[in-house]
Amino acid sequence: FSGTSYNETIWNFFGPPFMAARQALLLGA
């Protein structure tokens, strides 16, 4: 983790915007 961009790149997959999108689809259904 030291000196890498792991936190930024993992956020692109598991971060709140994608978490919210997954939830919105299920709640809409």
mmCIF file of all heavy atoms, coordinates in Angstrom:
data_MODEL
# 
_entry.id   MODEL 
# 
loop_
_atom_site.group_PDB 
_atom_site.id 
_atom_site.type_symbol 
_atom_site.label_atom_id 
_atom_site.label_alt_id 
_atom_site.label_comp_id 
_atom_site.label_asym_id 
_atom_site.label_entity_id 
_atom_site.label_seq_id 
_atom_site.pdbx_PDB_ins_code 
_atom_site.Cartn_x 
_atom_site.Cartn_y 
_atom_site.Cartn_z 
_atom_site.occupancy 
_atom_site.B_iso_or_equiv 
_atom_site.pdbx_formal_charge 
_atom_site.auth_seq_id 
_atom_site.auth_comp_id 
_atom_site.auth_asym_id 
_atom_site.auth_atom_id 
_atom_site.pdbx_PDB_model_num 
ATOM 1   N N   . PHE A 1 1  ? 0.786   -1.228 0.000   1.00 0.00 ? 1  PHE A N   1 
ATOM 2   C CA  . PHE A 1 1  ? 0.000   0.000  0.000   1.00 0.00 ? 1  PHE A CA  1 
ATOM 3   C C   . PHE A 1 1  ? 0.822   1.284  0.000   1.00 0.00 ? 1  PHE A C   1 
ATOM 4   O O   . PHE A 1 1  ? 0.307   2.330  -0.370  1.00 0.00 ? 1  PHE A O   1 
ATOM 5   C CB  . PHE A 1 1  ? -0.976  0.021  1.180   1.00 0.00 ? 1  PHE A CB  1 
ATOM 6   C CG  . PHE A 1 1  ? -2.036  -1.035 1.084   1.00 0.00 ? 1  PHE A CG  1 
ATOM 7   C CD1 . PHE A 1 1  ? -2.069  -2.087 1.977   1.00 0.00 ? 1  PHE A CD1 1 
ATOM 8   C CD2 . PHE A 1 1  ? -2.997  -0.994 0.090   1.00 0.00 ? 1  PHE A CD2 1 
ATOM 9   C CE1 . PHE A 1 1  ? -3.048  -3.070 1.885   1.00 0.00 ? 1  PHE A CE1 1 
ATOM 10  C CE2 . PHE A 1 1  ? -3.969  -1.967 -0.015  1.00 0.00 ? 1  PHE A CE2 1 
ATOM 11  C CZ  . PHE A 1 1  ? -4.005  -3.011 0.887   1.00 0.00 ? 1  PHE A CZ  1 
ATOM 12  N N   . SER A 1 2  ? 2.065   1.234  0.426   1.00 0.00 ? 2  SER A N   1 
ATOM 13  C CA  . SER A 1 2  ? 2.869   2.455  0.480   1.00 0.00 ? 2  SER A CA  1 
ATOM 14  C C   . SER A 1 2  ? 3.215   2.934  -0.915  1.00 0.00 ? 2  SER A C   1 
ATOM 15  O O   . SER A 1 2  ? 3.789   2.209  -1.721  1.00 0.00 ? 2  SER A O   1 
ATOM 16  C CB  . SER A 1 2  ? 4.167   2.212  1.260   1.00 0.00 ? 2  SER A CB  1 
ATOM 17  O OG  . SER A 1 2  ? 3.881   2.020  2.618   1.00 0.00 ? 2  SER A OG  1 
ATOM 18  N N   . GLY A 1 3  ? 2.835   4.155  -1.194  1.00 0.00 ? 3  GLY A N   1 
ATOM 19  C CA  . GLY A 1 3  ? 3.225   4.786  -2.442  1.00 0.00 ? 3  GLY A CA  1 
ATOM 20  C C   . GLY A 1 3  ? 2.569   4.249  -3.696  1.00 0.00 ? 3  GLY A C   1 
ATOM 21  O O   . GLY A 1 3  ? 3.061   4.486  -4.795  1.00 0.00 ? 3  GLY A O   1 
ATOM 22  N N   . THR A 1 4  ? 1.462   3.524  -3.559  1.00 0.00 ? 4  THR A N   1 
ATOM 23  C CA  . THR A 1 4  ? 0.767   3.037  -4.753  1.00 0.00 ? 4  THR A CA  1 
ATOM 24  C C   . THR A 1 4  ? -0.571  3.759  -4.885  1.00 0.00 ? 4  THR A C   1 
ATOM 25  O O   . THR A 1 4  ? -1.027  4.422  -3.962  1.00 0.00 ? 4  THR A O   1 
ATOM 26  C CB  . THR A 1 4  ? 0.500   1.516  -4.684  1.00 0.00 ? 4  THR A CB  1 
ATOM 27  O OG1 . THR A 1 4  ? -0.474  1.262  -3.660  1.00 0.00 ? 4  THR A OG1 1 
ATOM 28  C CG2 . THR A 1 4  ? 1.773   0.740  -4.396  1.00 0.00 ? 4  THR A CG2 1 
ATOM 29  N N   . SER A 1 5  ? -1.209  3.590  -6.014  1.00 0.00 ? 5  SER A N   1 
ATOM 30  C CA  . SER A 1 5  ? -2.520  4.199  -6.234  1.00 0.00 ? 5  SER A CA  1 
ATOM 31  C C   . SER A 1 5  ? -3.643  3.178  -6.025  1.00 0.00 ? 5  SER A C   1 
ATOM 32  O O   . SER A 1 5  ? -4.745  3.353  -6.542  1.00 0.00 ? 5  SER A O   1 
ATOM 33  C CB  . SER A 1 5  ? -2.589  4.782  -7.641  1.00 0.00 ? 5  SER A CB  1 
ATOM 34  O OG  . SER A 1 5  ? -2.402  3.750  -8.586  1.00 0.00 ? 5  SER A OG  1 
ATOM 35  N N   . TYR A 1 6  ? -3.379  2.137  -5.261  1.00 0.00 ? 6  TYR A N   1 
ATOM 36  C CA  . TYR A 1 6  ? -4.368  1.088  -5.033  1.00 0.00 ? 6  TYR A CA  1 
ATOM 37  C C   . TYR A 1 6  ? -5.697  1.663  -4.536  1.00 0.00 ? 6  TYR A C   1 
ATOM 38  O O   . TYR A 1 6  ? -6.760  1.291  -5.025  1.00 0.00 ? 6  TYR A O   1 
ATOM 39  C CB  . TYR A 1 6  ? -3.843  0.049  -4.039  1.00 0.00 ? 6  TYR A CB  1 
ATOM 40  C CG  . TYR A 1 6  ? -4.847  -1.036 -3.732  1.00 0.00 ? 6  TYR A CG  1 
ATOM 41  C CD1 . TYR A 1 6  ? -5.036  -2.089 -4.608  1.00 0.00 ? 6  TYR A CD1 1 
ATOM 42  C CD2 . TYR A 1 6  ? -5.636  -0.987 -2.588  1.00 0.00 ? 6  TYR A CD2 1 
ATOM 43  C CE1 . TYR A 1 6  ? -5.962  -3.083 -4.348  1.00 0.00 ? 6  TYR A CE1 1 
ATOM 44  C CE2 . TYR A 1 6  ? -6.571  -1.964 -2.314  1.00 0.00 ? 6  TYR A CE2 1 
ATOM 45  C CZ  . TYR A 1 6  ? -6.724  -3.008 -3.202  1.00 0.00 ? 6  TYR A CZ  1 
ATOM 46  O OH  . TYR A 1 6  ? -7.661  -3.980 -2.941  1.00 0.00 ? 6  TYR A OH  1 
ATOM 47  N N   . ASN A 1 7  ? -5.634  2.566  -3.558  1.00 0.00 ? 7  ASN A N   1 
ATOM 48  C CA  . ASN A 1 7  ? -6.875  3.110  -2.996  1.00 0.00 ? 7  ASN A CA  1 
ATOM 49  C C   . ASN A 1 7  ? -7.715  3.828  -4.038  1.00 0.00 ? 7  ASN A C   1 
ATOM 50  O O   . ASN A 1 7  ? -8.943  3.752  -3.998  1.00 0.00 ? 7  ASN A O   1 
ATOM 51  C CB  . ASN A 1 7  ? -6.564  4.067  -1.842  1.00 0.00 ? 7  ASN A CB  1 
ATOM 52  C CG  . ASN A 1 7  ? -6.213  3.307  -0.596  1.00 0.00 ? 7  ASN A CG  1 
ATOM 53  O OD1 . ASN A 1 7  ? -6.758  2.249  -0.344  1.00 0.00 ? 7  ASN A OD1 1 
ATOM 54  N ND2 . ASN A 1 7  ? -5.297  3.835  0.170   1.00 0.00 ? 7  ASN A ND2 1 
ATOM 55  N N   . GLU A 1 8  ? -7.082  4.536  -4.941  1.00 0.00 ? 8  GLU A N   1 
ATOM 56  C CA  . GLU A 1 8  ? -7.840  5.233  -5.972  1.00 0.00 ? 8  GLU A CA  1 
ATOM 57  C C   . GLU A 1 8  ? -8.431  4.258  -6.984  1.00 0.00 ? 8  GLU A C   1 
ATOM 58  O O   . GLU A 1 8  ? -9.580  4.383  -7.387  1.00 0.00 ? 8  GLU A O   1 
ATOM 59  C CB  . GLU A 1 8  ? -6.945  6.241  -6.684  1.00 0.00 ? 8  GLU A CB  1 
ATOM 60  C CG  . GLU A 1 8  ? -6.525  7.386  -5.776  1.00 0.00 ? 8  GLU A CG  1 
ATOM 61  C CD  . GLU A 1 8  ? -5.064  7.756  -5.963  1.00 0.00 ? 8  GLU A CD  1 
ATOM 62  O OE1 . GLU A 1 8  ? -4.545  7.558  -7.071  1.00 0.00 ? 8  GLU A OE1 1 
ATOM 63  O OE2 . GLU A 1 8  ? -4.467  8.229  -4.990  1.00 0.00 ? 8  GLU A OE2 1 
ATOM 64  N N   . THR A 1 9  ? -7.648  3.267  -7.388  1.00 0.00 ? 9  THR A N   1 
ATOM 65  C CA  . THR A 1 9  ? -8.151  2.352  -8.408  1.00 0.00 ? 9  THR A CA  1 
ATOM 66  C C   . THR A 1 9  ? -9.189  1.384  -7.854  1.00 0.00 ? 9  THR A C   1 
ATOM 67  O O   . THR A 1 9  ? -10.167 1.077  -8.544  1.00 0.00 ? 9  THR A O   1 
ATOM 68  C CB  . THR A 1 9  ? -6.991  1.571  -9.070  1.00 0.00 ? 9  THR A CB  1 
ATOM 69  O OG1 . THR A 1 9  ? -6.252  0.887  -8.067  1.00 0.00 ? 9  THR A OG1 1 
ATOM 70  C CG2 . THR A 1 9  ? -6.078  2.513  -9.828  1.00 0.00 ? 9  THR A CG2 1 
ATOM 71  N N   . ILE A 1 10 ? -9.032  0.927  -6.625  1.00 0.00 ? 10 ILE A N   1 
ATOM 72  C CA  . ILE A 1 10 ? -10.025 0.014  -6.060  1.00 0.00 ? 10 ILE A CA  1 
ATOM 73  C C   . ILE A 1 10 ? -11.341 0.748  -5.813  1.00 0.00 ? 10 ILE A C   1 
ATOM 74  O O   . ILE A 1 10 ? -12.413 0.172  -5.922  1.00 0.00 ? 10 ILE A O   1 
ATOM 75  C CB  . ILE A 1 10 ? -9.493  -0.688 -4.779  1.00 0.00 ? 10 ILE A CB  1 
ATOM 76  C CG1 . ILE A 1 10 ? -10.315 -1.935 -4.457  1.00 0.00 ? 10 ILE A CG1 1 
ATOM 77  C CG2 . ILE A 1 10 ? -9.495  0.241  -3.585  1.00 0.00 ? 10 ILE A CG2 1 
ATOM 78  C CD1 . ILE A 1 10 ? -10.169 -3.045 -5.451  1.00 0.00 ? 10 ILE A CD1 1 
ATOM 79  N N   . TRP A 1 11 ? -11.246 2.031  -5.508  1.00 0.00 ? 11 TRP A N   1 
ATOM 80  C CA  . TRP A 1 11 ? -12.430 2.871  -5.298  1.00 0.00 ? 11 TRP A CA  1 
ATOM 81  C C   . TRP A 1 11 ? -13.277 2.918  -6.568  1.00 0.00 ? 11 TRP A C   1 
ATOM 82  O O   . TRP A 1 11 ? -14.495 3.007  -6.502  1.00 0.00 ? 11 TRP A O   1 
ATOM 83  C CB  . TRP A 1 11 ? -11.958 4.271  -4.914  1.00 0.00 ? 11 TRP A CB  1 
ATOM 84  C CG  . TRP A 1 11 ? -12.974 5.102  -4.216  1.00 0.00 ? 11 TRP A CG  1 
ATOM 85  C CD1 . TRP A 1 11 ? -13.685 6.120  -4.774  1.00 0.00 ? 11 TRP A CD1 1 
ATOM 86  C CD2 . TRP A 1 11 ? -13.399 5.019  -2.858  1.00 0.00 ? 11 TRP A CD2 1 
ATOM 87  N NE1 . TRP A 1 11 ? -14.516 6.683  -3.839  1.00 0.00 ? 11 TRP A NE1 1 
ATOM 88  C CE2 . TRP A 1 11 ? -14.362 6.017  -2.651  1.00 0.00 ? 11 TRP A CE2 1 
ATOM 89  C CE3 . TRP A 1 11 ? -13.061 4.186  -1.802  1.00 0.00 ? 11 TRP A CE3 1 
ATOM 90  C CZ2 . TRP A 1 11 ? -14.980 6.214  -1.432  1.00 0.00 ? 11 TRP A CZ2 1 
ATOM 91  C CZ3 . TRP A 1 11 ? -13.677 4.380  -0.582  1.00 0.00 ? 11 TRP A CZ3 1 
ATOM 92  C CH2 . TRP A 1 11 ? -14.614 5.374  -0.411  1.00 0.00 ? 11 TRP A CH2 1 
ATOM 93  N N   . ASN A 1 12 ? -12.617 2.845  -7.731  1.00 0.00 ? 12 ASN A N   1 
ATOM 94  C CA  . ASN A 1 12 ? -13.335 2.867  -9.003  1.00 0.00 ? 12 ASN A CA  1 
ATOM 95  C C   . ASN A 1 12 ? -14.215 1.640  -9.201  1.00 0.00 ? 12 ASN A C   1 
ATOM 96  O O   . ASN A 1 12 ? -15.138 1.669  -10.015 1.00 0.00 ? 12 ASN A O   1 
ATOM 97  C CB  . ASN A 1 12 ? -12.357 2.968  -10.177 1.00 0.00 ? 12 ASN A CB  1 
ATOM 98  C CG  . ASN A 1 12 ? -11.634 4.289  -10.201 1.00 0.00 ? 12 ASN A CG  1 
ATOM 99  O OD1 . ASN A 1 12 ? -12.125 5.291  -9.720  1.00 0.00 ? 12 ASN A OD1 1 
ATOM 100 N ND2 . ASN A 1 12 ? -10.437 4.284  -10.752 1.00 0.00 ? 12 ASN A ND2 1 
ATOM 101 N N   . PHE A 1 13 ? -13.934 0.569  -8.484  1.00 0.00 ? 13 PHE A N   1 
ATOM 102 C CA  . PHE A 1 13 ? -14.734 -0.648 -8.625  1.00 0.00 ? 13 PHE A CA  1 
ATOM 103 C C   . PHE A 1 13 ? -15.676 -0.853 -7.443  1.00 0.00 ? 13 PHE A C   1 
ATOM 104 O O   . PHE A 1 13 ? -16.850 -1.138 -7.615  1.00 0.00 ? 13 PHE A O   1 
ATOM 105 C CB  . PHE A 1 13 ? -13.823 -1.872 -8.772  1.00 0.00 ? 13 PHE A CB  1 
ATOM 106 C CG  . PHE A 1 13 ? -14.589 -3.138 -9.064  1.00 0.00 ? 13 PHE A CG  1 
ATOM 107 C CD1 . PHE A 1 13 ? -15.011 -3.423 -10.352 1.00 0.00 ? 13 PHE A CD1 1 
ATOM 108 C CD2 . PHE A 1 13 ? -14.908 -4.027 -8.050  1.00 0.00 ? 13 PHE A CD2 1 
ATOM 109 C CE1 . PHE A 1 13 ? -15.731 -4.577 -10.623 1.00 0.00 ? 13 PHE A CE1 1 
ATOM 110 C CE2 . PHE A 1 13 ? -15.625 -5.173 -8.312  1.00 0.00 ? 13 PHE A CE2 1 
ATOM 111 C CZ  . PHE A 1 13 ? -16.041 -5.455 -9.599  1.00 0.00 ? 13 PHE A CZ  1 
ATOM 112 N N   . PHE A 1 14 ? -15.144 -0.710 -6.222  1.00 0.00 ? 14 PHE A N   1 
ATOM 113 C CA  . PHE A 1 14 ? -15.938 -0.993 -5.027  1.00 0.00 ? 14 PHE A CA  1 
ATOM 114 C C   . PHE A 1 14 ? -16.455 0.261  -4.334  1.00 0.00 ? 14 PHE A C   1 
ATOM 115 O O   . PHE A 1 14 ? -17.154 0.164  -3.339  1.00 0.00 ? 14 PHE A O   1 
ATOM 116 C CB  . PHE A 1 14 ? -15.099 -1.791 -4.011  1.00 0.00 ? 14 PHE A CB  1 
ATOM 117 C CG  . PHE A 1 14 ? -14.834 -3.208 -4.418  1.00 0.00 ? 14 PHE A CG  1 
ATOM 118 C CD1 . PHE A 1 14 ? -13.557 -3.606 -4.761  1.00 0.00 ? 14 PHE A CD1 1 
ATOM 119 C CD2 . PHE A 1 14 ? -15.848 -4.143 -4.451  1.00 0.00 ? 14 PHE A CD2 1 
ATOM 120 C CE1 . PHE A 1 14 ? -13.302 -4.916 -5.129  1.00 0.00 ? 14 PHE A CE1 1 
ATOM 121 C CE2 . PHE A 1 14 ? -15.609 -5.453 -4.819  1.00 0.00 ? 14 PHE A CE2 1 
ATOM 122 C CZ  . PHE A 1 14 ? -14.330 -5.847 -5.158  1.00 0.00 ? 14 PHE A CZ  1 
ATOM 123 N N   . GLY A 1 15 ? -16.112 1.436  -4.819  1.00 0.00 ? 15 GLY A N   1 
ATOM 124 C CA  . GLY A 1 15 ? -16.451 2.681  -4.137  1.00 0.00 ? 15 GLY A CA  1 
ATOM 125 C C   . GLY A 1 15 ? -17.939 2.995  -4.102  1.00 0.00 ? 15 GLY A C   1 
ATOM 126 O O   . GLY A 1 15 ? -18.752 2.366  -4.783  1.00 0.00 ? 15 GLY A O   1 
ATOM 127 N N   . PRO A 1 16 ? -18.297 3.982  -3.298  1.00 0.00 ? 16 PRO A N   1 
ATOM 128 C CA  . PRO A 1 16 ? -19.704 4.352  -3.113  1.00 0.00 ? 16 PRO A CA  1 
ATOM 129 C C   . PRO A 1 16 ? -20.496 4.623  -4.391  1.00 0.00 ? 16 PRO A C   1 
ATOM 130 O O   . PRO A 1 16 ? -21.666 4.250  -4.442  1.00 0.00 ? 16 PRO A O   1 
ATOM 131 C CB  . PRO A 1 16 ? -19.618 5.600  -2.220  1.00 0.00 ? 16 PRO A CB  1 
ATOM 132 C CG  . PRO A 1 16 ? -18.383 5.370  -1.420  1.00 0.00 ? 16 PRO A CG  1 
ATOM 133 C CD  . PRO A 1 16 ? -17.413 4.714  -2.385  1.00 0.00 ? 16 PRO A CD  1 
ATOM 134 N N   . PRO A 1 17 ? -19.937 5.247  -5.443  1.00 0.00 ? 17 PRO A N   1 
ATOM 135 C CA  . PRO A 1 17 ? -20.779 5.448  -6.632  1.00 0.00 ? 17 PRO A CA  1 
ATOM 136 C C   . PRO A 1 17 ? -21.273 4.126  -7.233  1.00 0.00 ? 17 PRO A C   1 
ATOM 137 O O   . PRO A 1 17 ? -22.437 4.018  -7.632  1.00 0.00 ? 17 PRO A O   1 
ATOM 138 C CB  . PRO A 1 17 ? -19.854 6.178  -7.608  1.00 0.00 ? 17 PRO A CB  1 
ATOM 139 C CG  . PRO A 1 17 ? -18.834 6.840  -6.748  1.00 0.00 ? 17 PRO A CG  1 
ATOM 140 C CD  . PRO A 1 17 ? -18.638 5.914  -5.588  1.00 0.00 ? 17 PRO A CD  1 
ATOM 141 N N   . PHE A 1 18 ? -20.416 3.113  -7.255  1.00 0.00 ? 18 PHE A N   1 
ATOM 142 C CA  . PHE A 1 18 ? -20.825 1.826  -7.818  1.00 0.00 ? 18 PHE A CA  1 
ATOM 143 C C   . PHE A 1 18 ? -21.686 1.052  -6.833  1.00 0.00 ? 18 PHE A C   1 
ATOM 144 O O   . PHE A 1 18 ? -22.587 0.315  -7.230  1.00 0.00 ? 18 PHE A O   1 
ATOM 145 C CB  . PHE A 1 18 ? -19.592 1.032  -8.261  1.00 0.00 ? 18 PHE A CB  1 
ATOM 146 C CG  . PHE A 1 18 ? -18.869 1.744  -9.366  1.00 0.00 ? 18 PHE A CG  1 
ATOM 147 C CD1 . PHE A 1 18 ? -17.753 2.520  -9.097  1.00 0.00 ? 18 PHE A CD1 1 
ATOM 148 C CD2 . PHE A 1 18 ? -19.345 1.703  -10.661 1.00 0.00 ? 18 PHE A CD2 1 
ATOM 149 C CE1 . PHE A 1 18 ? -17.113 3.207  -10.106 1.00 0.00 ? 18 PHE A CE1 1 
ATOM 150 C CE2 . PHE A 1 18 ? -18.712 2.384  -11.684 1.00 0.00 ? 18 PHE A CE2 1 
ATOM 151 C CZ  . PHE A 1 18 ? -17.590 3.150  -11.397 1.00 0.00 ? 18 PHE A CZ  1 
ATOM 152 N N   . MET A 1 19 ? -21.411 1.220  -5.547  1.00 0.00 ? 19 MET A N   1 
ATOM 153 C CA  . MET A 1 19 ? -22.244 0.619  -4.512  1.00 0.00 ? 19 MET A CA  1 
ATOM 154 C C   . MET A 1 19 ? -23.672 1.167  -4.648  1.00 0.00 ? 19 MET A C   1 
ATOM 155 O O   . MET A 1 19 ? -24.643 0.406  -4.620  1.00 0.00 ? 19 MET A O   1 
ATOM 156 C CB  . MET A 1 19 ? -21.659 0.968  -3.139  1.00 0.00 ? 19 MET A CB  1 
ATOM 157 C CG  . MET A 1 19 ? -22.228 0.213  -1.986  1.00 0.00 ? 19 MET A CG  1 
ATOM 158 S SD  . MET A 1 19 ? -21.552 0.760  -0.381  1.00 0.00 ? 19 MET A SD  1 
ATOM 159 C CE  . MET A 1 19 ? -19.813 0.438  -0.558  1.00 0.00 ? 19 MET A CE  1 
ATOM 160 N N   . ALA A 1 20 ? -23.796 2.471  -4.826  1.00 0.00 ? 20 ALA A N   1 
ATOM 161 C CA  . ALA A 1 20 ? -25.110 3.108  -4.968  1.00 0.00 ? 20 ALA A CA  1 
ATOM 162 C C   . ALA A 1 20 ? -25.816 2.649  -6.242  1.00 0.00 ? 20 ALA A C   1 
ATOM 163 O O   . ALA A 1 20 ? -27.029 2.426  -6.229  1.00 0.00 ? 20 ALA A O   1 
ATOM 164 C CB  . ALA A 1 20 ? -24.949 4.629  -4.961  1.00 0.00 ? 20 ALA A CB  1 
ATOM 165 N N   . ALA A 1 21 ? -25.072 2.506  -7.334  1.00 0.00 ? 21 ALA A N   1 
ATOM 166 C CA  . ALA A 1 21 ? -25.687 2.058  -8.587  1.00 0.00 ? 21 ALA A CA  1 
ATOM 167 C C   . ALA A 1 21 ? -26.245 0.642  -8.444  1.00 0.00 ? 21 ALA A C   1 
ATOM 168 O O   . ALA A 1 21 ? -27.372 0.364  -8.896  1.00 0.00 ? 21 ALA A O   1 
ATOM 169 C CB  . ALA A 1 21 ? -24.673 2.118  -9.725  1.00 0.00 ? 21 ALA A CB  1 
ATOM 170 N N   . ARG A 1 22 ? -25.476 -0.250 -7.814  1.00 0.00 ? 22 ARG A N   1 
ATOM 171 C CA  . ARG A 1 22 ? -25.974 -1.619 -7.599  1.00 0.00 ? 22 ARG A CA  1 
ATOM 172 C C   . ARG A 1 22 ? -27.239 -1.608 -6.740  1.00 0.00 ? 22 ARG A C   1 
ATOM 173 O O   . ARG A 1 22 ? -28.190 -2.340 -7.005  1.00 0.00 ? 22 ARG A O   1 
ATOM 174 C CB  . ARG A 1 22 ? -24.897 -2.480 -6.946  1.00 0.00 ? 22 ARG A CB  1 
ATOM 175 C CG  . ARG A 1 22 ? -23.800 -2.908 -7.885  1.00 0.00 ? 22 ARG A CG  1 
ATOM 176 C CD  . ARG A 1 22 ? -22.878 -3.939 -7.259  1.00 0.00 ? 22 ARG A CD  1 
ATOM 177 N NE  . ARG A 1 22 ? -22.213 -3.489 -6.054  1.00 0.00 ? 22 ARG A NE  1 
ATOM 178 C CZ  . ARG A 1 22 ? -21.049 -2.828 -6.031  1.00 0.00 ? 22 ARG A CZ  1 
ATOM 179 N NH1 . ARG A 1 22 ? -20.435 -2.538 -7.147  1.00 0.00 ? 22 ARG A NH1 1 
ATOM 180 N NH2 . ARG A 1 22 ? -20.517 -2.478 -4.882  1.00 0.00 ? 22 ARG A NH2 1 
ATOM 181 N N   . GLN A 1 23 ? -27.237 -0.765 -5.724  1.00 0.00 ? 23 GLN A N   1 
ATOM 182 C CA  . GLN A 1 23 ? -28.402 -0.688 -4.841  1.00 0.00 ? 23 GLN A CA  1 
ATOM 183 C C   . GLN A 1 23 ? -29.607 -0.114 -5.567  1.00 0.00 ? 23 GLN A C   1 
ATOM 184 O O   . GLN A 1 23 ? -30.722 -0.603 -5.397  1.00 0.00 ? 23 GLN A O   1 
ATOM 185 C CB  . GLN A 1 23 ? -28.071 0.160  -3.618  1.00 0.00 ? 23 GLN A CB  1 
ATOM 186 C CG  . GLN A 1 23 ? -27.062 -0.484 -2.724  1.00 0.00 ? 23 GLN A CG  1 
ATOM 187 C CD  . GLN A 1 23 ? -26.623 0.433  -1.603  1.00 0.00 ? 23 GLN A CD  1 
ATOM 188 O OE1 . GLN A 1 23 ? -26.992 1.599  -1.556  1.00 0.00 ? 23 GLN A OE1 1 
ATOM 189 N NE2 . GLN A 1 23 ? -25.834 -0.102 -0.702  1.00 0.00 ? 23 GLN A NE2 1 
ATOM 190 N N   . ALA A 1 24 ? -29.384 0.906  -6.363  1.00 0.00 ? 24 ALA A N   1 
ATOM 191 C CA  . ALA A 1 24 ? -30.495 1.548  -7.074  1.00 0.00 ? 24 ALA A CA  1 
ATOM 192 C C   . ALA A 1 24 ? -31.198 0.564  -8.009  1.00 0.00 ? 24 ALA A C   1 
ATOM 193 O O   . ALA A 1 24 ? -32.429 0.560  -8.094  1.00 0.00 ? 24 ALA A O   1 
ATOM 194 C CB  . ALA A 1 24 ? -29.983 2.763  -7.849  1.00 0.00 ? 24 ALA A CB  1 
ATOM 195 N N   . LEU A 1 25 ? -30.428 -0.255 -8.696  1.00 0.00 ? 25 LEU A N   1 
ATOM 196 C CA  . LEU A 1 25 ? -31.034 -1.235 -9.604  1.00 0.00 ? 25 LEU A CA  1 
ATOM 197 C C   . LEU A 1 25 ? -31.889 -2.241 -8.839  1.00 0.00 ? 25 LEU A C   1 
ATOM 198 O O   . LEU A 1 25 ? -33.019 -2.541 -9.244  1.00 0.00 ? 25 LEU A O   1 
ATOM 199 C CB  . LEU A 1 25 ? -29.949 -1.950 -10.406 1.00 0.00 ? 25 LEU A CB  1 
ATOM 200 C CG  . LEU A 1 25 ? -29.210 -1.078 -11.415 1.00 0.00 ? 25 LEU A CG  1 
ATOM 201 C CD1 . LEU A 1 25 ? -27.963 -1.789 -11.926 1.00 0.00 ? 25 LEU A CD1 1 
ATOM 202 C CD2 . LEU A 1 25 ? -30.131 -0.697 -12.555 1.00 0.00 ? 25 LEU A CD2 1 
ATOM 203 N N   . LEU A 1 26 ? -31.359 -2.754 -7.741  1.00 0.00 ? 26 LEU A N   1 
ATOM 204 C CA  . LEU A 1 26 ? -32.113 -3.725 -6.947  1.00 0.00 ? 26 LEU A CA  1 
ATOM 205 C C   . LEU A 1 26 ? -33.353 -3.077 -6.332  1.00 0.00 ? 26 LEU A C   1 
ATOM 206 O O   . LEU A 1 26 ? -34.444 -3.642 -6.388  1.00 0.00 ? 26 LEU A O   1 
ATOM 207 C CB  . LEU A 1 26 ? -31.229 -4.331 -5.854  1.00 0.00 ? 26 LEU A CB  1 
ATOM 208 C CG  . LEU A 1 26 ? -31.941 -5.228 -4.840  1.00 0.00 ? 26 LEU A CG  1 
ATOM 209 C CD1 . LEU A 1 26 ? -32.710 -6.350 -5.515  1.00 0.00 ? 26 LEU A CD1 1 
ATOM 210 C CD2 . LEU A 1 26 ? -30.942 -5.785 -3.847  1.00 0.00 ? 26 LEU A CD2 1 
ATOM 211 N N   . LEU A 1 27 ? -33.193 -1.905 -5.767  1.00 0.00 ? 27 LEU A N   1 
ATOM 212 C CA  . LEU A 1 27 ? -34.350 -1.239 -5.159  1.00 0.00 ? 27 LEU A CA  1 
ATOM 213 C C   . LEU A 1 27 ? -35.391 -0.867 -6.207  1.00 0.00 ? 27 LEU A C   1 
ATOM 214 O O   . LEU A 1 27 ? -36.601 -0.973 -5.953  1.00 0.00 ? 27 LEU A O   1 
ATOM 215 C CB  . LEU A 1 27 ? -33.894 -0.019 -4.366  1.00 0.00 ? 27 LEU A CB  1 
ATOM 216 C CG  . LEU A 1 27 ? -33.032 -0.343 -3.140  1.00 0.00 ? 27 LEU A CG  1 
ATOM 217 C CD1 . LEU A 1 27 ? -32.577 0.940  -2.456  1.00 0.00 ? 27 LEU A CD1 1 
ATOM 218 C CD2 . LEU A 1 27 ? -33.756 -1.254 -2.171  1.00 0.00 ? 27 LEU A CD2 1 
ATOM 219 N N   . GLY A 1 28 ? -34.940 -0.482 -7.398  1.00 0.00 ? 28 GLY A N   1 
ATOM 220 C CA  . GLY A 1 28 ? -35.878 -0.205 -8.484  1.00 0.00 ? 28 GLY A CA  1 
ATOM 221 C C   . GLY A 1 28 ? -36.649 -1.452 -8.881  1.00 0.00 ? 28 GLY A C   1 
ATOM 222 O O   . GLY A 1 28 ? -37.871 -1.401 -9.092  1.00 0.00 ? 28 GLY A O   1 
ATOM 223 N N   . ALA A 1 29 ? -35.953 -2.577 -8.980  1.00 0.00 ? 29 ALA A N   1 
ATOM 224 C CA  . ALA A 1 29 ? -36.629 -3.840 -9.308  1.00 0.00 ? 29 ALA A CA  1 
ATOM 225 C C   . ALA A 1 29 ? -37.628 -4.214 -8.218  1.00 0.00 ? 29 ALA A C   1 
ATOM 226 O O   . ALA A 1 29 ? -38.741 -4.667 -8.511  1.00 0.00 ? 29 ALA A O   1 
ATOM 227 C CB  . ALA A 1 29 ? -35.597 -4.952 -9.497  1.00 0.00 ? 29 ALA A CB  1 
# 
